[in-house]
Amino acid sequence: MATILLSINTHALLPLHTSTRTTKTTLRSLRFSQKAPFSLPFYCKHDTRLHLRCQTTTGTPSIADFAAAAGQDRLRKVPTKNIRNFCIIAHIDHGKSTLADKLLQMTGTVQKREMKEQFLDNMDLERERGITIKLQAARMRYMYENEGYCLNLIDTPGHVDFSYEVSRSLAACEGALLVVDASQGVEAQTLANVYLALENNLEIILVLNKIDLPGAEPDRVCMEIEEVIGLDCTNAIHCSAKEGIGITEILNAIVQRVPPPHDTATMPLRALIFDSYYDPYRGVIVYFRVIDGTIKKGDRIYFMASEKDYYADEIGVLSPNQMQVEELYAGEVGYISASIRSVADARVGDTITHFSRKAEQSLPGYEEATPMVFCGLFPVDADQFSELRDALEKLQLNDAALKFEPESSSAMGFGFRCGFLGLLHMEIVQERLEREYNLSLITTAPSVVYRVNCIDDDIVECSNPSLLPEPGKRRSIEEPFVKIEMLTPKDYIGTLMELAQERRGEFKEMKYITENRASITYELPLAEMVGDFFDQLKSRSKGYASMEYTFVGYKESDLIRLDIQINGEPVEPLATIVHKDKAYSIGRALTQKLKELIPRQMFKVPIQACIGAKVIASEALSAIRKDVLAKCYGGDISRKKKLLKKQAEGKKRMKAIGKVDVPQEAFMAVLKLEKEVL
């Protein structure tokens, strides 16, 4: 083990406004020692030179050793021209988190002994699924041509449900690493993220990842990118984040090509919030990027959208753990703790300014999170209702997009009607409730928000079928539509078009992006997509197709409410809003399933699917009956008729006063079927 003493002239590393002249790095001495290496870093206060010791397994230090040594001193201020803010954008599973890990390791931000896979993904759920759900930020220090640079990385989620969070992260950056899998090529989310980056005028650095795989085709993928996106691939960086190939080239490209932020430290404070989370001891911790001005510890700050003010008890940088500082100026990325009690007070996209010297206008792009998909959450054990409410309230502290309100059901008791950004968001919330809070839950079929135009010109928004106004009171029903773009190999075009047509899709365009891949665009109702559309897309294309969707607005449709009646009594939890053309097939499937699941009674039980008063599908459970003719050995037929008539009268009387209890297992099975059928 060799210990290298490295002397670096630190004129370029001094705080802003002291000295920015370029200086040379000199290797003053190279010592070999058998003793344990000195801890990193240490510096001499009497000299303007920073002395760093880095350890290496060989006698000769490598660039990585020097970078790691320099990376230890991340809190040092650098001139604004030496700050680089960038993010990583990619389709799901193209190696975004692995690349972030390697950048952290290469710059010495995270020590090798502390390193683990998907370092920035903190949740177990993220690690298991291999996806990024909650974005993270990290400040890195990198030495390039003897100058210290501050690199702020913002790691973004890859799923379409979190596209608003991604857009705010992009607004906090000047550059983006576009990561494309060299074996899979351009996918739907790649395109969506590129367009978001171009809208924000970011400098895009193209990175072809996974070039070490046997199936990697970087030349084909480069050609695809040039044809589909129109980006010039002559400077594309070939890398393998797993093997550590091309990481230095990426860091150099960030310094060379990403423009520095504008030096606007003298202007009134404006800082963009790109993420926040709730800490049970300190309240809400806000992640932000200073766009204009400076912010100091103890400042009274004001949130322009929520109109709340707080005192900044603590400010600091993320590297990737929180490290306190006294001041942050224009261009820097950091966090703030101000004893904020609710995430709703510090929403993603809001602008922070000083209370005493407010900015004239807030930063553009702020939007309220609007839930797109709704479902009912009920505890299997009714005693867990209060625990479910507490768990949802705690989750909402971290997730401002989650909406919920109490709901009661004759079948499943008390629960909550919850709103989510999309299907993945719904799955994550449900899984976190079950894992982190040990709750057993029943979920109803996901539905969307319908807009009902009433005869008296009122507009009613309805997400629960049981709350839909009566047919006599409504003029029309509108449903949300989405524009969906599917990227697929040409072999699966026919089967995917058939899938979209089955889901009431309206064909818009098809174009060949390369010789073997096509892009198909449809507009279809969101209600048709919240079921198993994605699963069907993957199974019909053998996993090769990908999709991306955007909300386009509401359109009028021929929708009706399908009610299920058991023994003449409507069962509200099983009511659904469906298209008129699909009502019969869904009604038939539900009645047949219920016939199998409901136990037989002492009287005949009709199970009916109805539209208003009209029955469109019907099944009947035959009665459990005693054999009243068992004691008759021959004899006249009138005797047998008399006994049967007497039994029928008893059954009729029993049916009039009898009540059918639908077991919870039957409800759960029917809800599962509803999800499949819808």
Foldseek 3Di string as FASTA:
>chain_A
DFKAKFKAQCQQQAAPPPHNDFDDTDRPDGGGDPDDYDDDDDQDPVDNIGIGIFDDPDSDDDLLRVLLRQFVPQVGHGYLQQEAEEEEAEAQPLCRLLLVLLLCSSNNLDDPVRGDGSVVQDDPVCVVVVWHDAKAKAWTWGADRSHIHIYIYIYDTQDQLCVLLLLLSLLLGQAYEQEAAQQQADAASSQVSVVSNVVSNHHYAYEHEPCVDPRGDNVVNQVLCCLQVVDHCPRYFYYYSVVSGRSVVVVVCSSVPRGGADQQQVDFWKKAFSFWFADPVQGIKTKIATAHHKDFQQFWKAWVPLGDIFGFNFKAAPNVNTDTDGMDGHRDIIITGTSYHACVSVDHGIIMTGPVRGDPDHDPDDDQQDFFKKKWKAFQDNVCAVVQVVLLVNVCRGPVNKDWDWDAFPFRGITIIIGGSALVRVVVSVVCCCPVSVTHIFMFAMFGWKWFQFPVRDIDTDGALVPDDDPNGTDFIKAWKKKKKKKAFPVLPVVLVVLCVVQVWDWDDKDASDPGMIITITIGGVRSVRFCSVVSVCVSRVNSMHMHMDTDGIDTAQKFKKWKDKLNHTRRSLIDIDHPVCQLVLFQVLQVLQLVQFDAAQAKMKIFIDGVPRTRHIDIRHHDDDPQCPPPDDDDVVVVVVSVVVSVVVRVVCSVPPDGRRHPVSVSVSSVVVSVSD
